N, C-alpha and C. Protein backbone atom coordinates (compact mmCIF):
# COMPACT_ATOMS: atom_id res chain seq x y z
N MET A 1 -18.60 26.08 54.05
CA MET A 1 -19.18 25.72 52.91
C MET A 1 -19.63 24.48 52.37
N LEU A 2 -20.46 24.26 51.57
CA LEU A 2 -21.24 23.20 51.51
C LEU A 2 -20.88 22.92 49.76
N SER A 3 -21.09 21.69 49.56
CA SER A 3 -20.98 20.94 48.13
C SER A 3 -22.48 20.75 47.59
N ASP A 4 -22.30 21.69 46.45
CA ASP A 4 -23.80 21.08 45.94
C ASP A 4 -23.80 19.85 45.09
N PRO A 5 -24.91 18.91 45.85
CA PRO A 5 -25.05 17.60 45.89
C PRO A 5 -25.19 17.21 44.17
N TYR A 6 -25.48 18.57 43.53
CA TYR A 6 -25.31 17.94 41.70
C TYR A 6 -24.56 18.18 40.87
N THR A 7 -23.54 19.37 41.38
CA THR A 7 -22.57 19.77 40.21
C THR A 7 -21.13 19.44 40.93
N GLY A 8 -21.41 19.44 42.50
CA GLY A 8 -20.14 19.27 43.47
C GLY A 8 -19.33 20.64 43.46
N LEU A 9 -20.15 22.16 42.97
CA LEU A 9 -19.12 22.98 43.10
C LEU A 9 -19.32 23.41 44.75
N VAL A 10 -18.83 24.34 45.04
CA VAL A 10 -18.85 24.65 46.55
C VAL A 10 -19.89 26.08 46.28
N TRP A 11 -20.79 26.16 47.31
CA TRP A 11 -21.72 27.34 47.87
C TRP A 11 -21.15 27.94 49.50
N PRO A 12 -21.31 28.83 49.41
CA PRO A 12 -21.12 29.70 50.87
C PRO A 12 -21.79 29.01 51.76
N GLN A 13 -21.30 29.04 52.90
CA GLN A 13 -22.57 29.16 54.26
C GLN A 13 -21.77 30.02 55.19
N ARG A 14 -22.94 31.15 55.55
CA ARG A 14 -22.15 32.11 56.57
C ARG A 14 -20.77 32.43 56.17
N ILE A 15 -20.78 32.55 54.90
CA ILE A 15 -19.45 33.10 54.06
C ILE A 15 -20.31 34.58 53.16
N GLU A 16 -19.86 35.98 53.58
CA GLU A 16 -20.26 36.87 52.62
C GLU A 16 -19.76 36.66 51.55
N SER A 17 -18.07 36.61 51.57
CA SER A 17 -17.62 36.35 49.97
C SER A 17 -16.19 35.72 50.24
N ALA A 18 -15.79 35.38 49.15
CA ALA A 18 -14.36 35.18 49.05
C ALA A 18 -13.32 35.96 48.01
N ALA A 19 -11.71 35.92 48.21
CA ALA A 19 -11.11 36.62 47.05
C ALA A 19 -10.44 35.79 47.15
N VAL A 20 -9.66 35.05 45.41
CA VAL A 20 -8.69 34.11 45.67
C VAL A 20 -8.00 34.73 44.35
N VAL A 21 -6.42 34.69 45.21
CA VAL A 21 -5.38 35.34 44.04
C VAL A 21 -4.59 34.08 43.50
N VAL A 22 -4.24 33.78 42.52
CA VAL A 22 -3.91 32.96 42.26
C VAL A 22 -2.51 32.94 41.27
N LYS A 23 -1.39 32.25 41.11
CA LYS A 23 0.14 32.62 40.57
C LYS A 23 -0.58 32.57 39.13
N GLU A 24 -0.08 33.90 38.37
CA GLU A 24 -0.15 33.70 36.82
C GLU A 24 0.10 32.43 36.16
N GLY A 25 -0.47 31.49 35.27
CA GLY A 25 0.12 30.45 34.40
C GLY A 25 -0.77 29.22 35.18
N LEU A 26 -0.95 29.11 36.16
CA LEU A 26 -1.81 27.89 36.75
C LEU A 26 -3.27 28.04 36.33
N PRO A 27 -3.52 26.54 36.04
CA PRO A 27 -4.72 26.32 35.38
C PRO A 27 -6.07 26.20 36.29
N VAL A 28 -6.63 27.60 36.74
CA VAL A 28 -7.71 27.80 37.36
C VAL A 28 -8.56 28.99 37.08
N LEU A 29 -9.90 28.62 36.63
CA LEU A 29 -11.22 29.46 36.69
C LEU A 29 -12.17 29.47 37.50
N LYS A 30 -12.92 30.08 37.34
CA LYS A 30 -14.22 30.63 38.29
C LYS A 30 -15.47 30.29 37.43
N THR A 31 -16.06 29.56 39.07
CA THR A 31 -17.57 28.64 38.01
C THR A 31 -18.74 29.40 38.73
N LEU A 32 -18.29 30.14 39.92
CA LEU A 32 -19.67 30.81 40.72
C LEU A 32 -19.10 32.13 40.81
N ASP A 33 -20.50 32.87 41.23
CA ASP A 33 -20.01 34.41 41.36
C ASP A 33 -20.12 34.86 42.89
N TRP A 34 -20.02 33.92 43.74
CA TRP A 34 -19.73 34.36 44.96
C TRP A 34 -18.06 35.09 45.13
N LEU A 35 -17.21 34.33 44.81
CA LEU A 35 -16.13 34.80 44.90
C LEU A 35 -15.46 35.34 43.80
N THR A 36 -14.58 36.10 44.37
CA THR A 36 -13.54 37.05 42.84
C THR A 36 -12.14 35.70 42.59
N LEU A 37 -11.86 36.21 41.66
CA LEU A 37 -10.60 35.11 40.89
C LEU A 37 -9.66 36.30 40.53
N THR A 38 -8.24 36.50 40.63
CA THR A 38 -7.56 37.16 40.16
C THR A 38 -5.92 36.70 40.24
N PHE A 39 -5.42 37.32 38.82
CA PHE A 39 -4.23 36.40 39.12
C PHE A 39 -2.94 37.50 39.04
N GLU A 40 -1.96 36.92 39.55
CA GLU A 40 -0.92 37.80 39.89
C GLU A 40 0.32 37.06 39.60
N PRO A 41 1.49 37.55 39.19
CA PRO A 41 2.74 37.40 38.76
C PRO A 41 3.52 36.67 40.27
N LYS A 42 3.34 37.26 41.36
CA LYS A 42 3.86 36.78 42.64
C LYS A 42 3.16 36.89 43.88
N ILE A 43 2.81 35.95 44.26
CA ILE A 43 2.07 36.32 45.74
C ILE A 43 3.14 35.57 46.77
N GLU A 44 3.35 36.96 47.66
CA GLU A 44 4.19 36.62 48.87
C GLU A 44 3.53 36.64 50.04
N VAL A 45 4.04 35.54 50.59
CA VAL A 45 3.10 35.31 52.29
C VAL A 45 3.16 36.24 52.91
N PRO A 46 2.26 36.94 53.85
CA PRO A 46 2.15 38.10 54.74
C PRO A 46 3.58 37.60 56.11
N ALA A 47 4.10 38.45 56.57
CA ALA A 47 5.16 38.34 57.68
C ALA A 47 3.93 37.89 58.53
N ASP A 48 2.52 37.82 59.00
CA ASP A 48 2.04 38.14 60.07
C ASP A 48 1.09 36.61 59.64
N ALA A 49 1.08 36.06 58.53
CA ALA A 49 0.52 34.92 58.71
C ALA A 49 0.85 34.03 59.34
N TRP A 50 -0.46 32.58 59.63
CA TRP A 50 0.01 31.87 60.24
C TRP A 50 0.55 30.53 59.70
N VAL A 51 1.51 29.68 59.70
CA VAL A 51 2.23 28.87 58.81
C VAL A 51 2.05 27.73 59.63
N ASP A 52 2.13 27.64 61.06
CA ASP A 52 2.79 26.38 61.84
C ASP A 52 1.80 26.44 62.96
N TRP A 53 1.83 25.46 63.73
CA TRP A 53 1.45 25.34 64.95
C TRP A 53 2.58 24.93 66.16
N ASP A 54 2.73 25.74 67.25
CA ASP A 54 3.23 25.18 68.35
C ASP A 54 2.93 24.46 69.49
N ALA A 55 2.85 23.03 69.37
CA ALA A 55 1.75 22.05 70.30
C ALA A 55 2.26 22.40 71.57
N ALA A 56 3.81 22.33 71.78
CA ALA A 56 4.21 22.37 73.36
C ALA A 56 3.39 24.06 73.95
N ASN A 57 3.63 25.02 73.12
CA ASN A 57 3.12 26.21 73.60
C ASN A 57 1.97 26.74 73.68
N GLN A 58 1.10 26.08 72.47
CA GLN A 58 -0.19 26.31 72.14
C GLN A 58 -0.41 27.60 71.49
N LYS A 59 0.64 27.56 70.60
CA LYS A 59 0.84 29.17 69.64
C LYS A 59 0.86 28.79 68.31
N PHE A 60 0.30 29.71 67.65
CA PHE A 60 0.32 29.90 66.07
C PHE A 60 1.87 30.24 65.95
N ILE A 61 2.72 29.79 64.92
CA ILE A 61 3.63 30.55 64.40
C ILE A 61 3.48 31.25 63.24
N THR A 62 4.09 32.63 63.03
CA THR A 62 4.03 33.28 61.83
C THR A 62 5.18 33.14 60.88
N ALA A 63 5.03 33.29 59.51
CA ALA A 63 5.84 33.26 58.56
C ALA A 63 6.90 34.18 58.60
N ALA A 64 6.65 35.21 59.58
CA ALA A 64 8.19 35.64 60.27
C ALA A 64 9.14 35.12 61.19
N GLU A 65 8.09 34.33 62.33
CA GLU A 65 9.21 33.59 62.99
C GLU A 65 9.62 32.28 62.31
N LYS A 66 9.11 31.67 61.40
CA LYS A 66 9.40 30.66 60.68
C LYS A 66 10.55 30.40 59.91
N TYR A 67 10.52 31.86 59.15
CA TYR A 67 11.25 31.72 57.65
C TYR A 67 12.17 32.85 57.76
N THR A 68 13.52 32.94 57.65
CA THR A 68 14.35 33.87 57.67
C THR A 68 14.18 34.93 56.59
N GLN A 69 13.53 34.48 55.48
CA GLN A 69 13.36 35.12 53.98
C GLN A 69 11.97 34.83 53.49
N THR A 70 11.26 35.82 52.56
CA THR A 70 10.19 36.49 51.96
C THR A 70 9.75 34.69 51.63
N VAL A 71 8.87 34.39 51.75
CA VAL A 71 8.29 33.08 51.01
C VAL A 71 6.81 33.46 50.08
N GLU A 72 7.39 32.62 48.85
CA GLU A 72 6.02 32.50 48.01
C GLU A 72 5.01 31.76 48.13
N THR A 73 4.07 31.79 47.32
CA THR A 73 2.83 30.85 47.42
C THR A 73 2.16 30.94 46.28
N ASN A 74 1.45 29.84 45.47
CA ASN A 74 0.74 29.97 44.55
C ASN A 74 -0.42 30.08 44.46
N THR A 75 -1.16 30.41 45.82
CA THR A 75 -2.76 30.75 45.82
C THR A 75 -2.60 31.43 47.23
N LYS A 76 -3.29 32.31 47.18
CA LYS A 76 -4.17 33.13 48.69
C LYS A 76 -5.67 33.12 48.70
N VAL A 77 -5.98 32.88 49.71
CA VAL A 77 -7.52 33.04 49.54
C VAL A 77 -7.86 33.91 50.52
N THR A 78 -8.70 35.15 50.83
CA THR A 78 -9.29 35.88 51.68
C THR A 78 -10.94 35.29 51.68
N VAL A 79 -11.15 35.26 53.01
CA VAL A 79 -12.96 34.93 53.62
C VAL A 79 -13.18 36.17 54.33
N THR A 80 -14.45 36.62 53.65
CA THR A 80 -15.14 37.61 54.57
C THR A 80 -15.97 36.89 55.18
N TYR A 81 -16.32 37.08 56.55
CA TYR A 81 -17.40 36.23 57.02
C TYR A 81 -18.48 37.61 57.28
N PRO A 82 -19.62 37.28 57.76
CA PRO A 82 -20.66 38.21 58.53
C PRO A 82 -20.10 38.95 59.47
N LYS A 83 -20.38 40.60 59.33
CA LYS A 83 -19.81 41.08 60.90
C LYS A 83 -20.75 40.81 62.20
N ASP A 84 -21.78 39.99 61.97
CA ASP A 84 -22.45 39.73 63.16
C ASP A 84 -22.85 38.38 63.49
N MET A 85 -21.68 37.50 62.71
CA MET A 85 -21.54 36.18 62.79
C MET A 85 -21.63 35.87 64.26
N PHE A 86 -20.97 36.40 65.42
CA PHE A 86 -20.85 35.40 66.82
C PHE A 86 -21.94 36.53 67.38
N GLN A 87 -22.45 36.62 66.73
CA GLN A 87 -24.08 37.50 67.49
C GLN A 87 -25.22 36.64 67.55
N THR A 88 -25.07 35.91 65.88
CA THR A 88 -26.44 35.28 65.31
C THR A 88 -26.15 33.76 64.87
N VAL A 89 -25.04 33.55 65.16
CA VAL A 89 -24.63 32.03 64.69
C VAL A 89 -24.59 31.20 66.06
N LYS A 90 -25.47 30.26 65.81
CA LYS A 90 -25.22 29.16 67.13
C LYS A 90 -24.86 27.43 66.88
N TRP A 91 -23.94 26.83 67.70
CA TRP A 91 -23.41 25.65 67.45
C TRP A 91 -25.43 24.54 67.29
N HIS A 92 -24.39 23.52 67.24
CA HIS A 92 -25.59 22.31 67.19
C HIS A 92 -26.57 22.27 68.69
N ASP A 93 -25.69 22.62 70.00
CA ASP A 93 -26.43 22.35 70.73
C ASP A 93 -27.06 23.87 71.37
N GLY A 94 -27.22 24.91 70.65
CA GLY A 94 -27.76 26.17 71.20
C GLY A 94 -27.27 27.00 71.39
N SER A 95 -25.89 26.57 72.19
CA SER A 95 -25.09 27.66 72.63
C SER A 95 -24.43 28.62 71.32
N ARG A 96 -24.09 29.77 71.75
CA ARG A 96 -23.31 30.82 70.94
C ARG A 96 -21.69 30.59 70.47
N CYS A 97 -21.67 30.87 69.26
CA CYS A 97 -20.07 30.50 68.74
C CYS A 97 -19.46 31.64 69.48
N GLN A 98 -18.18 31.51 69.79
CA GLN A 98 -17.33 32.69 70.66
C GLN A 98 -15.89 32.34 69.81
N TRP A 99 -15.60 33.78 69.72
CA TRP A 99 -14.27 33.99 69.40
C TRP A 99 -12.97 33.41 69.88
N PRO A 100 -12.34 32.55 69.52
CA PRO A 100 -11.44 31.59 70.28
C PRO A 100 -10.15 32.56 71.00
N THR A 101 -10.10 32.62 72.23
CA THR A 101 -8.79 33.60 72.55
C THR A 101 -7.71 32.90 72.32
N LEU A 102 -6.40 33.84 71.48
CA LEU A 102 -5.50 33.01 71.24
C LEU A 102 -4.21 33.54 71.86
């Protein structure tokens, strides 16, 4: 994403869309149409969400692995990238982006 130099608002770069879910009652509003904004009374963290990094073993830790009970959050953002991103996007040196091996 890039910040607009005149308004400071964020514009997508290589992002098709974003869906933002916010806990009801929080003072959040939408300014640009490239994303959707909805409100929910409760937002549970999915069990397979990455919540931490195990540096010793070089692996992500999921919510289910870290927490013994359901965890809630104030916001949830889902970003959709172009399907052909790894075929069309190149790094500054001209090499292609590669999906990381996890």
